[in-house]
């Protein structure tokens, strides 16, 4: 979720198709169900508060330095051959070390908690997203979240509840909890395990993955046998070659359109 993809220039104009309603729908979060609108501001506020508590001048450079470390950690995780997710606790510890105010034990736990709570409010749900999930839930769809996010799970759940999405999702798979990020097979397997808790072999053609990344939310799930829907509410934020390679079953401008394009059984 925190990733800042390279800008592309591709424009997609084909009309959406209609497919049979799946048994399970897996949703990406940032860029799909919600806009990551205020994250950097909230990280900066948290950094300023932490620095003040450590008796360090809480100026812009100090706040910017934590934001930079967080994004650098996420970039490193995205570039890791095994796609292991970054550890926010370690990022905060290294930032404090660089300030000459080392944190460990309970003070480090408190700093992580402060950053986590400060992050809540970073996303704003897209119009119609919650309503669409409510309609699909009423039709009997099992739904889950599969998100790249280095924020620890408890704060993600607080944010989902604030957005009115938590009670509409049957499960939430967060990369910070799994330890691996999309497009690692580990996180998709974790989602399928949650989607089919009885251990029965899943029929992946009855699973729909919905997201805005043509690589993470279309190409990778499709290679496993899932159906896919590419959300284009923020067109062009991913590399143009990713869009060119993607072959989703549906192309939609927002999740709000989804119920009308899924034909009930």
Protein backbone atom coordinates (compact mmCIF):
# COMPACT_ATOMS: atom_id res chain seq x y z
CA UNK A 1 0.00 0.00 0.00
CA UNK A 2 2.78 2.44 0.80
CA UNK A 3 4.51 1.91 -2.51
CA UNK A 4 4.83 4.93 -4.76
CA UNK A 5 4.83 3.40 -8.26
CA UNK A 6 6.42 5.01 -11.28
CA UNK A 7 4.14 7.09 -13.44
CA UNK A 8 2.97 5.62 -16.71
CA UNK A 9 1.13 7.14 -19.64
CA UNK A 10 -1.08 4.32 -20.86
CA UNK A 11 -4.81 4.96 -21.31
CA UNK A 12 -7.24 2.04 -21.28
CA UNK A 13 -10.61 2.57 -22.92
CA UNK A 14 -12.21 -0.86 -23.47
CA UNK A 15 -15.61 -1.47 -21.95
CA UNK A 16 -16.09 -3.76 -18.99
CA UNK A 17 -17.45 -7.27 -19.51
CA UNK A 18 -19.85 -9.23 -17.31
CA UNK A 19 -18.81 -12.43 -15.54
CA UNK A 20 -20.48 -14.90 -13.21
CA UNK A 21 -20.34 -13.96 -9.55
CA UNK A 22 -17.42 -15.72 -7.83
CA UNK A 23 -17.59 -17.59 -4.53
CA UNK A 24 -14.74 -15.49 -3.07
CA UNK A 25 -13.58 -11.95 -3.83
CA UNK A 26 -10.14 -10.74 -2.72
CA UNK A 27 -9.65 -6.98 -2.61
CA UNK A 28 -6.53 -4.87 -2.61
CA UNK A 29 -6.83 -1.89 -0.23
CA UNK A 30 -4.95 1.32 -1.10
CA UNK A 31 -5.82 2.46 -4.63
CA UNK A 32 -8.74 0.02 -4.80
CA UNK A 33 -11.07 0.40 -1.82
CA UNK A 34 -9.53 3.60 -0.48
CA UNK A 35 -7.26 6.45 -1.50
CA UNK A 36 -3.95 6.79 0.38
CA UNK A 37 -4.54 10.50 0.87
CA UNK A 38 -2.96 11.63 4.15
CA UNK A 39 -0.29 9.07 4.97
CA UNK A 40 2.83 11.18 4.62
CA UNK A 41 1.34 13.97 6.71
CA UNK A 42 0.46 11.54 9.49
CA UNK A 43 3.93 9.97 9.48
CA UNK A 44 5.48 13.43 9.76
CA UNK A 45 3.22 14.32 12.69
CA UNK A 46 4.19 11.10 14.45
CA UNK A 47 7.89 11.77 13.87
CA UNK A 48 7.62 15.28 15.28
CA UNK A 49 5.85 13.97 18.39
CA UNK A 50 8.44 11.23 18.90
CA UNK A 51 11.35 13.62 18.46
CA UNK A 52 9.83 16.04 20.96
CA UNK A 53 9.46 13.22 23.48
CA UNK A 54 13.11 12.29 22.97
CA UNK A 55 14.11 15.93 23.54
CA UNK A 56 15.26 16.34 19.94
CA UNK A 57 14.40 19.42 17.90
CA UNK A 58 11.17 18.34 16.17
CA UNK A 59 11.82 20.30 12.99
CA UNK A 60 10.84 19.49 9.43
CA UNK A 61 14.14 17.74 8.69
CA UNK A 62 13.64 15.33 11.60
CA UNK A 63 10.08 14.51 10.54
CA UNK A 64 11.13 14.12 6.90
CA UNK A 65 13.92 11.77 7.91
CA UNK A 66 11.49 9.24 9.40
CA UNK A 67 9.20 9.44 6.37
CA UNK A 68 12.21 8.88 4.12
CA UNK A 69 13.32 5.86 6.15
CA UNK A 70 9.85 4.31 6.00
CA UNK A 71 9.59 4.69 2.24
CA UNK A 72 13.17 3.47 1.75
CA UNK A 73 12.36 0.37 3.81
CA UNK A 74 9.33 -0.29 1.66
CA UNK A 75 11.36 0.16 -1.52
CA UNK A 76 13.94 -2.30 -0.18
CA UNK A 77 11.18 -4.81 0.60
CA UNK A 78 9.76 -4.44 -2.91
CA UNK A 79 13.22 -5.09 -4.32
CA UNK A 80 13.99 -8.03 -2.04
CA UNK A 81 14.29 -11.26 -4.08
CA UNK A 82 12.02 -13.02 -1.59
CA UNK A 83 9.69 -10.00 -1.20
CA UNK A 84 9.99 -10.01 2.59
CA UNK A 85 8.05 -7.14 4.15
CA UNK A 86 9.85 -4.37 6.00
CA UNK A 87 9.79 -4.19 9.81
CA UNK A 88 8.44 -0.84 11.00
CA UNK A 89 9.81 -1.43 14.50
CA UNK A 90 13.32 -1.78 13.05
CA UNK A 91 12.84 1.37 10.95
CA UNK A 92 11.90 3.41 14.03
CA UNK A 93 14.81 1.95 16.03
CA UNK A 94 17.32 2.84 13.30
CA UNK A 95 15.85 6.35 13.00
CA UNK A 96 16.19 6.90 16.74
CA UNK A 97 19.77 5.58 16.67
CA UNK A 98 20.61 8.10 13.93
CA UNK A 99 19.25 10.87 16.15
CA UNK A 100 21.49 9.76 18.99
CA UNK A 101 18.49 8.76 21.11
CA UNK A 102 18.43 4.94 21.00
CA UNK A 103 15.13 3.22 21.75
CA UNK A 104 14.68 -0.35 22.98
CA UNK A 105 12.22 -2.41 24.99
CA UNK A 106 9.13 -0.60 26.28
CA UNK A 107 10.12 2.86 24.91
CA UNK A 108 10.49 1.34 21.43
CA UNK A 109 7.12 -0.40 21.80
CA UNK A 110 5.57 2.93 22.78
CA UNK A 111 7.14 4.66 19.78
CA UNK A 112 5.79 1.99 17.43
CA UNK A 113 2.35 2.34 19.00
CA UNK A 114 2.45 6.10 18.56
CA UNK A 115 3.37 5.81 14.89
CA UNK A 116 0.72 3.15 14.35
CA UNK A 117 -2.04 5.22 15.90
CA UNK A 118 -0.85 8.34 14.08
CA UNK A 119 -1.11 6.42 10.78
CA UNK A 120 -4.81 5.76 11.34
CA UNK A 121 -6.70 8.21 9.14
CA UNK A 122 -4.23 7.95 6.26
CA UNK A 123 -6.78 6.51 3.83
CA UNK A 124 -10.15 7.72 2.61
CA UNK A 125 -12.62 5.18 1.18
CA UNK A 126 -13.54 5.68 -2.47
CA UNK A 127 -17.18 6.66 -3.03
CA UNK A 128 -19.43 3.62 -3.26
CA UNK A 129 -16.81 1.09 -2.11
CA UNK A 130 -18.48 0.17 1.18
CA UNK A 131 -21.90 0.08 -0.47
CA UNK A 132 -20.61 -2.30 -3.16
CA UNK A 133 -19.17 -4.65 -0.54
CA UNK A 134 -22.45 -4.54 1.34
CA UNK A 135 -24.37 -5.58 -1.80
CA UNK A 136 -21.93 -8.40 -2.55
CA UNK A 137 -22.06 -9.61 1.04
CA UNK A 138 -25.85 -9.68 0.78
CA UNK A 139 -25.51 -11.95 -2.24
CA UNK A 140 -23.48 -14.43 -0.21
CA UNK A 141 -19.98 -13.58 -1.44
CA UNK A 142 -17.11 -14.38 0.89
CA UNK A 143 -14.71 -11.39 0.81
CA UNK A 144 -11.23 -10.69 2.06
CA UNK A 145 -8.53 -8.04 1.96
CA UNK A 146 -5.01 -8.70 0.61
CA UNK A 147 -2.81 -5.65 1.12
CA UNK A 148 0.83 -4.66 0.99
CA UNK A 149 1.21 -2.56 4.14
CA UNK A 150 4.13 -2.43 6.58
CA UNK A 151 1.89 -0.98 9.31
CA UNK A 152 1.25 -3.66 11.95
CA UNK A 153 -2.08 -5.46 11.70
CA UNK A 154 -3.80 -3.97 14.79
CA UNK A 155 -3.63 -0.44 13.38
CA UNK A 156 -4.80 -1.64 9.95
CA UNK A 157 -7.88 -3.13 11.60
CA UNK A 158 -8.55 0.15 13.40
CA UNK A 159 -8.30 1.98 10.07
CA UNK A 160 -10.59 -0.50 8.30
CA UNK A 161 -13.16 -0.08 11.06
CA UNK A 162 -12.91 3.71 10.80
CA UNK A 163 -13.60 3.42 7.07
CA UNK A 164 -16.65 1.21 7.62
CA UNK A 165 -15.02 -1.72 5.81
CA UNK A 166 -13.93 -4.08 8.58
CA UNK A 167 -17.29 -5.71 9.25
CA UNK A 168 -17.83 -6.24 5.51
CA UNK A 169 -14.70 -8.38 5.15
CA UNK A 170 -14.48 -12.00 6.26
CA UNK A 171 -10.70 -11.86 6.67
CA UNK A 172 -7.76 -9.49 6.22
CA UNK A 173 -4.34 -10.56 4.95
CA UNK A 174 -1.77 -7.83 5.65
CA UNK A 175 1.83 -8.14 4.45
CA UNK A 176 3.18 -6.89 7.79
CA UNK A 177 1.48 -9.86 9.44
CA UNK A 178 2.37 -12.47 6.81
CA UNK A 179 5.95 -11.23 6.46
CA UNK A 180 5.83 -11.22 2.66
CA UNK A 181 4.32 -8.78 0.19
CA UNK A 182 2.63 -9.10 -3.16
CA UNK A 183 3.55 -10.53 -5.61
CA UNK A 184 5.09 -13.21 -3.37
CA UNK A 185 3.12 -16.48 -3.62
CA UNK A 186 3.21 -16.62 0.19
CA UNK A 187 0.68 -13.82 0.64
CA UNK A 188 -1.71 -15.19 -2.00
CA UNK A 189 -1.56 -18.65 -0.41
CA UNK A 190 -2.33 -17.08 2.98
CA UNK A 191 -5.39 -15.41 1.46
CA UNK A 192 -6.61 -18.65 -0.11
CA UNK A 193 -6.11 -20.49 3.18
CA UNK A 194 -8.28 -17.88 4.89
CA UNK A 195 -10.85 -18.03 2.09
CA UNK A 196 -11.16 -21.81 2.29
CA UNK A 197 -10.65 -22.57 6.00
CA UNK A 198 -12.11 -26.09 5.77
CA UNK A 199 -9.02 -27.20 3.87
CA UNK A 200 -10.92 -28.16 0.74
CA UNK A 201 -8.91 -27.61 -2.46
CA UNK A 202 -10.06 -24.24 -3.78
CA UNK A 203 -11.44 -23.88 -7.26
CA UNK A 204 -9.43 -20.80 -8.19
CA UNK A 205 -11.61 -19.95 -11.18
CA UNK A 206 -14.30 -19.11 -8.59
CA UNK A 207 -12.00 -16.58 -6.88
CA UNK A 208 -11.91 -12.99 -8.14
CA UNK A 209 -8.97 -10.73 -7.27
CA UNK A 210 -9.78 -7.01 -7.47
CA UNK A 211 -7.07 -4.36 -7.42
CA UNK A 212 -5.40 -1.41 -9.10
CA UNK A 213 -1.98 -2.95 -9.75
CA UNK A 214 -1.81 -4.76 -13.10
CA UNK A 215 1.20 -6.75 -11.85
CA UNK A 216 0.27 -7.53 -8.23
CA UNK A 217 -3.53 -7.73 -8.53
CA UNK A 218 -3.96 -9.07 -12.06
CA UNK A 219 -0.92 -10.86 -13.50
CA UNK A 220 0.14 -12.72 -10.35
CA UNK A 221 -3.34 -13.93 -9.28
CA UNK A 222 -4.22 -14.83 -12.89
CA UNK A 223 -1.07 -16.96 -13.14
CA UNK A 224 -2.41 -18.96 -10.18
CA UNK A 225 -5.77 -19.46 -11.90
CA UNK A 226 -7.88 -16.72 -10.32
CA UNK A 227 -10.20 -14.39 -12.19
CA UNK A 228 -9.19 -10.73 -11.97
CA UNK A 229 -10.62 -7.21 -12.11
CA UNK A 230 -8.38 -4.19 -12.74
CA UNK A 231 -9.55 -1.01 -11.01
CA UNK A 232 -8.60 2.11 -12.95
CA UNK A 233 -9.71 4.89 -10.58
CA UNK A 234 -6.13 6.24 -10.56
CA UNK A 235 -4.98 5.48 -14.10
CA UNK A 236 -1.34 5.56 -15.05
CA UNK A 237 0.27 5.25 -11.60
CA UNK A 238 1.85 1.89 -12.47
CA UNK A 239 4.43 1.28 -15.22
CA UNK A 240 2.93 1.29 -18.69
CA UNK A 241 4.43 -2.12 -19.48
CA UNK A 242 2.52 -3.64 -16.55
CA UNK A 243 -0.75 -2.34 -17.97
CA UNK A 244 0.18 -3.67 -21.40
CA UNK A 245 0.82 -7.18 -20.05
CA UNK A 246 -2.29 -7.34 -17.86
CA UNK A 247 -5.24 -9.36 -19.15
CA UNK A 248 -7.96 -8.89 -16.53
CA UNK A 249 -11.39 -10.42 -16.87
CA UNK A 250 -12.90 -7.06 -15.93
CA UNK A 251 -11.72 -3.45 -16.20
CA UNK A 252 -13.60 -1.07 -13.93
CA UNK A 253 -13.21 2.55 -12.91
CA UNK A 254 -14.23 1.91 -9.31
CA UNK A 255 -15.29 -0.90 -7.00
CA UNK A 256 -18.75 0.70 -6.96
CA UNK A 257 -19.28 -0.76 -10.46
CA UNK A 258 -18.49 -4.32 -9.44
CA UNK A 259 -21.92 -5.61 -8.29
CA UNK A 260 -23.46 -4.63 -11.61
CA UNK A 261 -20.85 -6.62 -13.55
CA UNK A 262 -21.10 -9.85 -11.57
CA UNK A 263 -23.99 -12.00 -12.73
CA UNK A 264 -25.53 -13.80 -9.74
CA UNK A 265 -25.74 -17.59 -9.91
